[in-house]
Full PDB file with SEQRES, HELIX, SHEET, SSBOND, CRYST1, ORIGX, SCALE, CONECT and MASTER records, all heavy atoms in Angstrom:
SEQRES   1 A   38  VAL LEU ALA PHE ALA TYR GLN THR ALA ASP GLY ALA PRO          
SEQRES   2 A   38  LEU ARG GLY LYS LEU SER ALA GLY PHE SER LEU VAL ASP          
SEQRES   3 A   38  ASP HIS ASP ARG THR LEU PHE ILE VAL TYR ASN ASP              
SHEET    1 AA1 2 GLY A  21  VAL A  25  0                                        
SHEET    2 AA1 2 THR A  31  TYR A  36 -1                                        
CRYST1    1.000    1.000    1.000  90.00  90.00  90.00 P 1           1          
ORIGX1      1.000000  0.000000  0.000000        0.00000                         
ORIGX2      0.000000  1.000000  0.000000        0.00000                         
ORIGX3      0.000000  0.000000  1.000000        0.00000                         
SCALE1      1.000000  0.000000  0.000000        0.00000                         
SCALE2      0.000000  1.000000  0.000000        0.00000                         
SCALE3      0.000000  0.000000  1.000000        0.00000                         
ATOM      1  N   VAL A   1       0.695   8.139  11.608  1.00  0.00           N  
ATOM      2  CA  VAL A   1       0.720   6.745  11.174  1.00  0.00           C  
ATOM      3  C   VAL A   1      -0.377   6.543  10.133  1.00  0.00           C  
ATOM      4  O   VAL A   1      -1.547   6.851  10.394  1.00  0.00           O  
ATOM      5  CB  VAL A   1       0.501   5.787  12.367  1.00  0.00           C  
ATOM      6  CG1 VAL A   1       0.453   4.348  11.883  1.00  0.00           C  
ATOM      7  CG2 VAL A   1       1.599   5.971  13.405  1.00  0.00           C  
ATOM      8  N   LEU A   2      -0.004   6.050   8.964  1.00  0.00           N  
ATOM      9  CA  LEU A   2      -0.967   5.734   7.919  1.00  0.00           C  
ATOM     10  C   LEU A   2      -1.299   4.251   8.018  1.00  0.00           C  
ATOM     11  O   LEU A   2      -0.386   3.399   8.039  1.00  0.00           O  
ATOM     12  CB  LEU A   2      -0.415   6.044   6.524  1.00  0.00           C  
ATOM     13  CG  LEU A   2      -0.538   7.511   6.086  1.00  0.00           C  
ATOM     14  CD1 LEU A   2       0.361   8.408   6.917  1.00  0.00           C  
ATOM     15  CD2 LEU A   2      -0.213   7.674   4.615  1.00  0.00           C  
ATOM     16  N   ALA A   3      -2.573   3.926   8.152  1.00  0.00           N  
ATOM     17  CA  ALA A   3      -3.029   2.551   8.361  1.00  0.00           C  
ATOM     18  C   ALA A   3      -3.792   2.063   7.131  1.00  0.00           C  
ATOM     19  O   ALA A   3      -4.677   2.762   6.639  1.00  0.00           O  
ATOM     20  CB  ALA A   3      -3.898   2.467   9.608  1.00  0.00           C  
ATOM     21  N   PHE A   4      -3.430   0.853   6.659  1.00  0.00           N  
ATOM     22  CA  PHE A   4      -4.048   0.279   5.471  1.00  0.00           C  
ATOM     23  C   PHE A   4      -4.585  -1.101   5.820  1.00  0.00           C  
ATOM     24  O   PHE A   4      -3.812  -2.031   6.074  1.00  0.00           O  
ATOM     25  CB  PHE A   4      -3.026   0.154   4.332  1.00  0.00           C  
ATOM     26  CG  PHE A   4      -2.283   1.426   4.030  1.00  0.00           C  
ATOM     27  CD1 PHE A   4      -1.079   1.719   4.664  1.00  0.00           C  
ATOM     28  CD2 PHE A   4      -2.792   2.332   3.109  1.00  0.00           C  
ATOM     29  CE1 PHE A   4      -0.392   2.894   4.392  1.00  0.00           C  
ATOM     30  CE2 PHE A   4      -2.112   3.507   2.823  1.00  0.00           C  
ATOM     31  CZ  PHE A   4      -0.913   3.790   3.465  1.00  0.00           C  
ATOM     32  N   ALA A   5      -5.901  -1.238   5.870  1.00  0.00           N  
ATOM     33  CA  ALA A   5      -6.512  -2.537   6.145  1.00  0.00           C  
ATOM     34  C   ALA A   5      -6.520  -3.361   4.864  1.00  0.00           C  
ATOM     35  O   ALA A   5      -6.731  -2.841   3.767  1.00  0.00           O  
ATOM     36  CB  ALA A   5      -7.928  -2.345   6.668  1.00  0.00           C  
ATOM     37  N   TYR A   6      -6.271  -4.672   5.012  1.00  0.00           N  
ATOM     38  CA  TYR A   6      -6.247  -5.562   3.839  1.00  0.00           C  
ATOM     39  C   TYR A   6      -6.985  -6.853   4.160  1.00  0.00           C  
ATOM     40  O   TYR A   6      -7.246  -7.190   5.326  1.00  0.00           O  
ATOM     41  CB  TYR A   6      -4.799  -5.873   3.446  1.00  0.00           C  
ATOM     42  CG  TYR A   6      -4.097  -6.785   4.429  1.00  0.00           C  
ATOM     43  CD1 TYR A   6      -4.185  -8.181   4.321  1.00  0.00           C  
ATOM     44  CD2 TYR A   6      -3.368  -6.262   5.496  1.00  0.00           C  
ATOM     45  CE1 TYR A   6      -3.575  -9.015   5.243  1.00  0.00           C  
ATOM     46  CE2 TYR A   6      -2.752  -7.078   6.422  1.00  0.00           C  
ATOM     47  CZ  TYR A   6      -2.864  -8.468   6.294  1.00  0.00           C  
ATOM     48  OH  TYR A   6      -2.277  -9.296   7.208  1.00  0.00           O  
ATOM     49  N   GLN A   7      -7.286  -7.605   3.106  1.00  0.00           N  
ATOM     50  CA  GLN A   7      -7.911  -8.920   3.259  1.00  0.00           C  
ATOM     51  C   GLN A   7      -7.549  -9.767   2.049  1.00  0.00           C  
ATOM     52  O   GLN A   7      -7.586  -9.283   0.908  1.00  0.00           O  
ATOM     53  CB  GLN A   7      -9.433  -8.800   3.370  1.00  0.00           C  
ATOM     54  CG  GLN A   7     -10.142 -10.129   3.561  1.00  0.00           C  
ATOM     55  CD  GLN A   7     -11.647  -9.955   3.777  1.00  0.00           C  
ATOM     56  OE1 GLN A   7     -12.087  -8.874   4.168  1.00  0.00           O  
ATOM     57  NE2 GLN A   7     -12.417 -10.993   3.526  1.00  0.00           N  
ATOM     58  N   THR A   8      -7.189 -11.024   2.304  1.00  0.00           N  
ATOM     59  CA  THR A   8      -6.893 -11.915   1.191  1.00  0.00           C  
ATOM     60  C   THR A   8      -8.192 -12.332   0.510  1.00  0.00           C  
ATOM     61  O   THR A   8      -9.278 -12.231   1.090  1.00  0.00           O  
ATOM     62  CB  THR A   8      -6.134 -13.163   1.671  1.00  0.00           C  
ATOM     63  OG1 THR A   8      -6.921 -13.839   2.655  1.00  0.00           O  
ATOM     64  CG2 THR A   8      -4.794 -12.767   2.276  1.00  0.00           C  
ATOM     65  N   ALA A   9      -8.070 -12.820  -0.720  1.00  0.00           N  
ATOM     66  CA  ALA A   9      -9.260 -13.136  -1.519  1.00  0.00           C  
ATOM     67  C   ALA A   9     -10.097 -14.233  -0.883  1.00  0.00           C  
ATOM     68  O   ALA A   9     -11.337 -14.175  -0.881  1.00  0.00           O  
ATOM     69  CB  ALA A   9      -8.835 -13.546  -2.927  1.00  0.00           C  
ATOM     70  N   ASP A  10      -9.453 -15.263  -0.323  1.00  0.00           N  
ATOM     71  CA  ASP A  10     -10.201 -16.383   0.254  1.00  0.00           C  
ATOM     72  C   ASP A  10     -10.235 -16.353   1.768  1.00  0.00           C  
ATOM     73  O   ASP A  10     -10.769 -17.259   2.411  1.00  0.00           O  
ATOM     74  CB  ASP A  10      -9.606 -17.715  -0.220  1.00  0.00           C  
ATOM     75  CG  ASP A  10      -8.112 -17.825   0.094  1.00  0.00           C  
ATOM     76  OD1 ASP A  10      -7.595 -16.920   0.784  1.00  0.00           O  
ATOM     77  OD2 ASP A  10      -7.477 -18.793  -0.350  1.00  0.00           O  
ATOM     78  N   GLY A  11      -9.657 -15.323   2.364  1.00  0.00           N  
ATOM     79  CA  GLY A  11      -9.658 -15.210   3.816  1.00  0.00           C  
ATOM     80  C   GLY A  11      -8.597 -16.045   4.498  1.00  0.00           C  
ATOM     81  O   GLY A  11      -8.442 -15.977   5.718  1.00  0.00           O  
ATOM     82  N   ALA A  12      -7.867 -16.841   3.715  1.00  0.00           N  
ATOM     83  CA  ALA A  12      -6.820 -17.700   4.281  1.00  0.00           C  
ATOM     84  C   ALA A  12      -5.519 -16.915   4.405  1.00  0.00           C  
ATOM     85  O   ALA A  12      -5.323 -15.902   3.726  1.00  0.00           O  
ATOM     86  CB  ALA A  12      -6.617 -18.925   3.394  1.00  0.00           C  
ATOM     87  N   PRO A  13      -4.605 -17.349   5.262  1.00  0.00           N  
ATOM     88  CA  PRO A  13      -3.310 -16.674   5.369  1.00  0.00           C  
ATOM     89  C   PRO A  13      -2.615 -16.614   4.012  1.00  0.00           C  
ATOM     90  O   PRO A  13      -2.736 -17.532   3.191  1.00  0.00           O  
ATOM     91  CB  PRO A  13      -2.533 -17.543   6.365  1.00  0.00           C  
ATOM     92  CG  PRO A  13      -3.596 -18.188   7.202  1.00  0.00           C  
ATOM     93  CD  PRO A  13      -4.739 -18.442   6.261  1.00  0.00           C  
ATOM     94  N   LEU A  14      -1.911 -15.549   3.802  1.00  0.00           N  
ATOM     95  CA  LEU A  14      -1.260 -15.317   2.512  1.00  0.00           C  
ATOM     96  C   LEU A  14       0.089 -16.032   2.473  1.00  0.00           C  
ATOM     97  O   LEU A  14       0.905 -15.887   3.390  1.00  0.00           O  
ATOM     98  CB  LEU A  14      -1.053 -13.818   2.300  1.00  0.00           C  
ATOM     99  CG  LEU A  14      -0.485 -13.383   0.958  1.00  0.00           C  
ATOM    100  CD1 LEU A  14      -1.491 -13.626  -0.156  1.00  0.00           C  
ATOM    101  CD2 LEU A  14      -0.093 -11.920   1.006  1.00  0.00           C  
ATOM    102  N   ARG A  15       0.303 -16.804   1.405  1.00  0.00           N  
ATOM    103  CA  ARG A  15       1.583 -17.472   1.210  1.00  0.00           C  
ATOM    104  C   ARG A  15       2.409 -16.637   0.249  1.00  0.00           C  
ATOM    105  O   ARG A  15       1.981 -16.349  -0.852  1.00  0.00           O  
ATOM    106  CB  ARG A  15       1.388 -18.873   0.640  1.00  0.00           C  
ATOM    107  CG  ARG A  15       0.519 -19.781   1.489  1.00  0.00           C  
ATOM    108  CD  ARG A  15       1.058 -19.907   2.911  1.00  0.00           C  
ATOM    109  NE  ARG A  15       0.161 -20.691   3.774  1.00  0.00           N  
ATOM    110  CZ  ARG A  15       0.315 -20.793   5.077  1.00  0.00           C  
ATOM    111  NH1 ARG A  15       1.298 -20.132   5.668  1.00  0.00           N  
ATOM    112  NH2 ARG A  15      -0.520 -21.503   5.807  1.00  0.00           N  
ATOM    113  N   GLY A  16       3.581 -16.226   0.686  1.00  0.00           N  
ATOM    114  CA  GLY A  16       4.418 -15.395  -0.151  1.00  0.00           C  
ATOM    115  C   GLY A  16       4.794 -14.117   0.573  1.00  0.00           C  
ATOM    116  O   GLY A  16       4.366 -13.852   1.706  1.00  0.00           O  
ATOM    117  N   LYS A  17       5.597 -13.315  -0.092  1.00  0.00           N  
ATOM    118  CA  LYS A  17       6.072 -12.059   0.477  1.00  0.00           C  
ATOM    119  C   LYS A  17       5.164 -10.902   0.047  1.00  0.00           C  
ATOM    120  O   LYS A  17       4.950 -10.704  -1.148  1.00  0.00           O  
ATOM    121  CB  LYS A  17       7.503 -11.787   0.036  1.00  0.00           C  
ATOM    122  CG  LYS A  17       8.506 -12.788   0.592  1.00  0.00           C  
ATOM    123  CD  LYS A  17       9.932 -12.433   0.164  1.00  0.00           C  
ATOM    124  CE  LYS A  17      10.938 -13.430   0.764  1.00  0.00           C  
ATOM    125  NZ  LYS A  17      12.328 -13.098   0.361  1.00  0.00           N  
ATOM    126  N   LEU A  18       4.640 -10.207   1.040  1.00  0.00           N  
ATOM    127  CA  LEU A  18       3.726  -9.087   0.782  1.00  0.00           C  
ATOM    128  C   LEU A  18       4.495  -7.772   0.866  1.00  0.00           C  
ATOM    129  O   LEU A  18       5.177  -7.500   1.853  1.00  0.00           O  
ATOM    130  CB  LEU A  18       2.600  -9.082   1.812  1.00  0.00           C  
ATOM    131  CG  LEU A  18       1.624  -7.897   1.746  1.00  0.00           C  
ATOM    132  CD1 LEU A  18       0.831  -7.902   0.444  1.00  0.00           C  
ATOM    133  CD2 LEU A  18       0.684  -7.905   2.948  1.00  0.00           C  
ATOM    134  N   SER A  19       4.402  -6.986  -0.183  1.00  0.00           N  
ATOM    135  CA  SER A  19       4.959  -5.629  -0.141  1.00  0.00           C  
ATOM    136  C   SER A  19       3.822  -4.649  -0.397  1.00  0.00           C  
ATOM    137  O   SER A  19       2.867  -4.940  -1.133  1.00  0.00           O  
ATOM    138  CB  SER A  19       6.072  -5.453  -1.173  1.00  0.00           C  
ATOM    139  OG  SER A  19       5.556  -5.506  -2.487  1.00  0.00           O  
ATOM    140  N   ALA A  20       3.936  -3.494   0.231  1.00  0.00           N  
ATOM    141  CA  ALA A  20       2.906  -2.464   0.092  1.00  0.00           C  
ATOM    142  C   ALA A  20       3.578  -1.132  -0.159  1.00  0.00           C  
ATOM    143  O   ALA A  20       4.702  -0.884   0.283  1.00  0.00           O  
ATOM    144  CB  ALA A  20       2.043  -2.400   1.349  1.00  0.00           C  
ATOM    145  N   GLY A  21       2.896  -0.292  -0.883  1.00  0.00           N  
ATOM    146  CA  GLY A  21       3.414   1.038  -1.133  1.00  0.00           C  
ATOM    147  C   GLY A  21       2.284   2.043  -1.255  1.00  0.00           C  
ATOM    148  O   GLY A  21       1.145   1.680  -1.553  1.00  0.00           O  
ATOM    149  N   PHE A  22       2.594   3.290  -0.964  1.00  0.00           N  
ATOM    150  CA  PHE A  22       1.598   4.333  -1.154  1.00  0.00           C  
ATOM    151  C   PHE A  22       2.300   5.592  -1.623  1.00  0.00           C  
ATOM    152  O   PHE A  22       3.520   5.756  -1.467  1.00  0.00           O  
ATOM    153  CB  PHE A  22       0.805   4.595   0.134  1.00  0.00           C  
ATOM    154  CG  PHE A  22       1.608   5.241   1.226  1.00  0.00           C  
ATOM    155  CD1 PHE A  22       1.688   6.632   1.329  1.00  0.00           C  
ATOM    156  CD2 PHE A  22       2.286   4.463   2.156  1.00  0.00           C  
ATOM    157  CE1 PHE A  22       2.422   7.228   2.335  1.00  0.00           C  
ATOM    158  CE2 PHE A  22       3.038   5.060   3.166  1.00  0.00           C  
ATOM    159  CZ  PHE A  22       3.109   6.448   3.256  1.00  0.00           C  
ATOM    160  N   SER A  23       1.534   6.477  -2.206  1.00  0.00           N  
ATOM    161  CA  SER A  23       2.052   7.776  -2.636  1.00  0.00           C  
ATOM    162  C   SER A  23       1.032   8.837  -2.289  1.00  0.00           C  
ATOM    163  O   SER A  23      -0.165   8.551  -2.120  1.00  0.00           O  
ATOM    164  CB  SER A  23       2.355   7.788  -4.139  1.00  0.00           C  
ATOM    165  OG  SER A  23       1.165   7.550  -4.886  1.00  0.00           O  
ATOM    166  N   LEU A  24       1.499  10.073  -2.170  1.00  0.00           N  
ATOM    167  CA  LEU A  24       0.618  11.211  -1.925  1.00  0.00           C  
ATOM    168  C   LEU A  24       0.615  12.083  -3.161  1.00  0.00           C  
ATOM    169  O   LEU A  24       1.681  12.451  -3.685  1.00  0.00           O  
ATOM    170  CB  LEU A  24       1.086  12.008  -0.705  1.00  0.00           C  
ATOM    171  CG  LEU A  24       1.031  11.279   0.631  1.00  0.00           C  
ATOM    172  CD1 LEU A  24       1.361  12.226   1.767  1.00  0.00           C  
ATOM    173  CD2 LEU A  24      -0.315  10.633   0.864  1.00  0.00           C  
ATOM    174  N   VAL A  25      -0.586  12.436  -3.612  1.00  0.00           N  
ATOM    175  CA  VAL A  25      -0.772  13.189  -4.852  1.00  0.00           C  
ATOM    176  C   VAL A  25      -1.508  14.478  -4.525  1.00  0.00           C  
ATOM    177  O   VAL A  25      -2.523  14.461  -3.809  1.00  0.00           O  
ATOM    178  CB  VAL A  25      -1.577  12.360  -5.880  1.00  0.00           C  
ATOM    179  CG1 VAL A  25      -1.729  13.124  -7.188  1.00  0.00           C  
ATOM    180  CG2 VAL A  25      -0.905  11.016  -6.120  1.00  0.00           C  
ATOM    181  N   ASP A  26      -0.998  15.624  -5.019  1.00  0.00           N  
ATOM    182  CA  ASP A  26      -1.654  16.894  -4.726  1.00  0.00           C  
ATOM    183  C   ASP A  26      -2.785  17.148  -5.719  1.00  0.00           C  
ATOM    184  O   ASP A  26      -3.074  16.323  -6.592  1.00  0.00           O  
ATOM    185  CB  ASP A  26      -0.651  18.046  -4.709  1.00  0.00           C  
ATOM    186  CG  ASP A  26      -0.035  18.333  -6.072  1.00  0.00           C  
ATOM    187  OD1 ASP A  26      -0.522  17.797  -7.091  1.00  0.00           O  
ATOM    188  OD2 ASP A  26       0.940  19.103  -6.127  1.00  0.00           O  
ATOM    189  N   ASP A  27      -3.435  18.324  -5.585  1.00  0.00           N  
ATOM    190  CA  ASP A  27      -4.596  18.596  -6.426  1.00  0.00           C  
ATOM    191  C   ASP A  27      -4.224  18.952  -7.863  1.00  0.00           C  
ATOM    192  O   ASP A  27      -5.098  19.208  -8.690  1.00  0.00           O  
ATOM    193  CB  ASP A  27      -5.470  19.700  -5.812  1.00  0.00           C  
ATOM    194  CG  ASP A  27      -4.690  20.971  -5.532  1.00  0.00           C  
ATOM    195  OD1 ASP A  27      -3.492  21.040  -5.882  1.00  0.00           O  
ATOM    196  OD2 ASP A  27      -5.272  21.901  -4.955  1.00  0.00           O  
ATOM    197  N   HIS A  28      -2.912  18.991  -8.160  1.00  0.00           N  
ATOM    198  CA  HIS A  28      -2.451  19.163  -9.542  1.00  0.00           C  
ATOM    199  C   HIS A  28      -1.998  17.840 -10.140  1.00  0.00           C  
ATOM    200  O   HIS A  28      -1.329  17.820 -11.169  1.00  0.00           O  
ATOM    201  CB  HIS A  28      -1.292  20.176  -9.592  1.00  0.00           C  
ATOM    202  CG  HIS A  28      -1.661  21.543  -9.112  1.00  0.00           C  
ATOM    203  ND1 HIS A  28      -2.529  22.365  -9.813  1.00  0.00           N  
ATOM    204  CD2 HIS A  28      -1.295  22.219  -7.989  1.00  0.00           C  
ATOM    205  CE1 HIS A  28      -2.667  23.504  -9.138  1.00  0.00           C  
ATOM    206  NE2 HIS A  28      -1.941  23.437  -8.036  1.00  0.00           N  
ATOM    207  N   ASP A  29      -2.365  16.720  -9.466  1.00  0.00           N  
ATOM    208  CA  ASP A  29      -1.986  15.362  -9.886  1.00  0.00           C  
ATOM    209  C   ASP A  29      -0.480  15.151  -9.903  1.00  0.00           C  
ATOM    210  O   ASP A  29       0.041  14.342 -10.676  1.00  0.00           O  
ATOM    211  CB  ASP A  29      -2.588  15.021 -11.257  1.00  0.00           C  
ATOM    212  CG  ASP A  29      -4.074  14.702 -11.172  1.00  0.00           C  
ATOM    213  OD1 ASP A  29      -4.494  14.194 -10.116  1.00  0.00           O  
ATOM    214  OD2 ASP A  29      -4.807  14.979 -12.129  1.00  0.00           O  
ATOM    215  N   ARG A  30       0.236  15.875  -9.048  1.00  0.00           N  
ATOM    216  CA  ARG A  30       1.674  15.663  -8.912  1.00  0.00           C  
ATOM    217  C   ARG A  30       1.927  14.697  -7.758  1.00  0.00           C  
ATOM    218  O   ARG A  30       1.438  14.904  -6.655  1.00  0.00           O  
ATOM    219  CB  ARG A  30       2.397  16.978  -8.628  1.00  0.00           C  
ATOM    220  CG  ARG A  30       2.315  18.003  -9.742  1.00  0.00           C  
ATOM    221  CD  ARG A  30       3.023  19.287  -9.346  1.00  0.00           C  
ATOM    222  NE  ARG A  30       2.423  19.890  -8.162  1.00  0.00           N  
ATOM    223  CZ  ARG A  30       2.805  21.053  -7.632  1.00  0.00           C  
ATOM    224  NH1 ARG A  30       3.803  21.722  -8.185  1.00  0.00           N  
ATOM    225  NH2 ARG A  30       2.199  21.540  -6.564  1.00  0.00           N  
ATOM    226  N   THR A  31       2.685  13.631  -8.041  1.00  0.00           N  
ATOM    227  CA  THR A  31       3.066  12.705  -6.990  1.00  0.00           C  
ATOM    228  C   THR A  31       4.205  13.306  -6.184  1.00  0.00           C  
ATOM    229  O   THR A  31       5.279  13.585  -6.723  1.00  0.00           O  
ATOM    230  CB  THR A  31       3.503  11.356  -7.588  1.00  0.00           C  
ATOM    231  OG1 THR A  31       2.410  10.799  -8.326  1.00  0.00           O  
ATOM    232  CG2 THR A  31       3.906  10.383  -6.490  1.00  0.00           C  
ATOM    233  N   LEU A  32       3.978  13.521  -4.887  1.00  0.00           N  
ATOM    234  CA  LEU A  32       4.951  14.231  -4.057  1.00  0.00           C  
ATOM    235  C   LEU A  32       5.985  13.289  -3.449  1.00  0.00           C  
ATOM    236  O   LEU A  32       7.154  13.648  -3.339  1.00  0.00           O  
ATOM    237  CB  LEU A  32       4.229  15.012  -2.969  1.00  0.00           C  
ATOM    238  CG  LEU A  32       3.250  16.073  -3.496  1.00  0.00           C  
ATOM    239  CD1 LEU A  32       2.546  16.762  -2.345  1.00  0.00           C  
ATOM    240  CD2 LEU A  32       3.964  17.098  -4.358  1.00  0.00           C  
ATOM    241  N   PHE A  33       5.536  12.126  -2.997  1.00  0.00           N  
ATOM    242  CA  PHE A  33       6.523  11.121  -2.595  1.00  0.00           C  
ATOM    243  C   PHE A  33       5.877   9.742  -2.587  1.00  0.00           C  
ATOM    244  O   PHE A  33       4.654   9.595  -2.577  1.00  0.00           O  
ATOM    245  CB  PHE A  33       7.194  11.442  -1.255  1.00  0.00           C  
ATOM    246  CG  PHE A  33       6.282  11.491  -0.063  1.00  0.00           C  
ATOM    247  CD1 PHE A  33       5.720  10.348   0.476  1.00  0.00           C  
ATOM    248  CD2 PHE A  33       6.017  12.699   0.569  1.00  0.00           C  
ATOM    249  CE1 PHE A  33       4.903  10.399   1.589  1.00  0.00           C  
ATOM    250  CE2 PHE A  33       5.213  12.765   1.687  1.00  0.00           C  
ATOM    251  CZ  PHE A  33       4.648  11.611   2.188  1.00  0.00           C  
ATOM    252  N   ILE A  34       6.744   8.715  -2.637  1.00  0.00           N  
ATOM    253  CA  ILE A  34       6.323   7.317  -2.664  1.00  0.00           C  
ATOM    254  C   ILE A  34       7.043   6.582  -1.546  1.00  0.00           C  
ATOM    255  O   ILE A  34       8.234   6.783  -1.330  1.00  0.00           O  
ATOM    256  CB  ILE A  34       6.651   6.662  -4.026  1.00  0.00           C  
ATOM    257  CG1 ILE A  34       5.964   7.410  -5.169  1.00  0.00           C  
ATOM    258  CG2 ILE A  34       6.235   5.191  -4.031  1.00  0.00           C  
ATOM    259  CD1 ILE A  34       6.371   6.927  -6.543  1.00  0.00           C  
ATOM    260  N   VAL A  35       6.325   5.721  -0.843  1.00  0.00           N  
ATOM    261  CA  VAL A  35       6.902   4.930   0.238  1.00  0.00           C  
ATOM    262  C   VAL A  35       6.545   3.459   0.021  1.00  0.00           C  
ATOM    263  O   VAL A  35       5.364   3.132  -0.141  1.00  0.00           O  
ATOM    264  CB  VAL A  35       6.387   5.392   1.616  1.00  0.00           C  
ATOM    265  CG1 VAL A  35       7.010   4.548   2.724  1.00  0.00           C  
ATOM    266  CG2 VAL A  35       6.680   6.865   1.845  1.00  0.00           C  
ATOM    267  N   TYR A  36       7.551   2.576  -0.020  1.00  0.00           N  
ATOM    268  CA  TYR A  36       7.356   1.126  -0.131  1.00  0.00           C  
ATOM    269  C   TYR A  36       8.069   0.454   1.033  1.00  0.00           C  
ATOM    270  O   TYR A  36       9.179   0.869   1.419  1.00  0.00           O  
ATOM    271  CB  TYR A  36       7.938   0.579  -1.435  1.00  0.00           C  
ATOM    272  CG  TYR A  36       7.007   0.653  -2.634  1.00  0.00           C  
ATOM    273  CD1 TYR A  36       6.971   1.786  -3.423  1.00  0.00           C  
ATOM    274  CD2 TYR A  36       6.193  -0.428  -2.961  1.00  0.00           C  
ATOM    275  CE1 TYR A  36       6.139   1.857  -4.527  1.00  0.00           C  
ATOM    276  CE2 TYR A  36       5.352  -0.371  -4.067  1.00  0.00           C  
ATOM    277  CZ  TYR A  36       5.328   0.778  -4.846  1.00  0.00           C  
ATOM    278  OH  TYR A  36       4.493   0.837  -5.931  1.00  0.00           O  
ATOM    279  N   ASN A  37       7.477  -0.597   1.550  1.00  0.00           N  
ATOM    280  CA  ASN A  37       8.145  -1.299   2.647  1.00  0.00           C  
ATOM    281  C   ASN A  37       9.354  -2.097   2.155  1.00  0.00           C  
ATOM    282  O   ASN A  37      10.280  -2.353   2.918  1.00  0.00           O  
ATOM    283  CB  ASN A  37       7.175  -2.211   3.406  1.00  0.00           C  
ATOM    284  CG  ASN A  37       6.609  -3.317   2.549  1.00  0.00           C  
ATOM    285  OD1 ASN A  37       6.465  -3.155   1.341  1.00  0.00           O  
ATOM    286  ND2 ASN A  37       6.277  -4.451   3.160  1.00  0.00           N  
ATOM    287  N   ASP A  38       9.398  -2.470   0.866  1.00  0.00           N  
ATOM    288  CA  ASP A  38      10.570  -3.206   0.401  1.00  0.00           C  
ATOM    289  C   ASP A  38      11.772  -2.283   0.162  1.00  0.00           C  
ATOM    290  O   ASP A  38      12.903  -2.748   0.044  1.00  0.00           O  
ATOM    291  CB  ASP A  38      10.262  -4.024  -0.861  1.00  0.00           C  
ATOM    292  CG  ASP A  38       9.759  -3.193  -2.018  1.00  0.00           C  
ATOM    293  OD1 ASP A  38       9.550  -1.980  -1.823  1.00  0.00           O  
ATOM    294  OD2 ASP A  38       9.565  -3.749  -3.114  1.00  0.00           O  
TER     295      ASP A  38                                                      
MASTER        0    0    0    0    2    0    0    6  294    1    0    3          
END                                                                             
């Protein structure tokens, strides 16, 4: 499980739709895969 902690700028609940994505990059700067929740 990859865990990503976040915080809004003013600390208030976020209004709107939040999407997150991450990718894994090897030591040759090759992006191996990308995962987005949307």
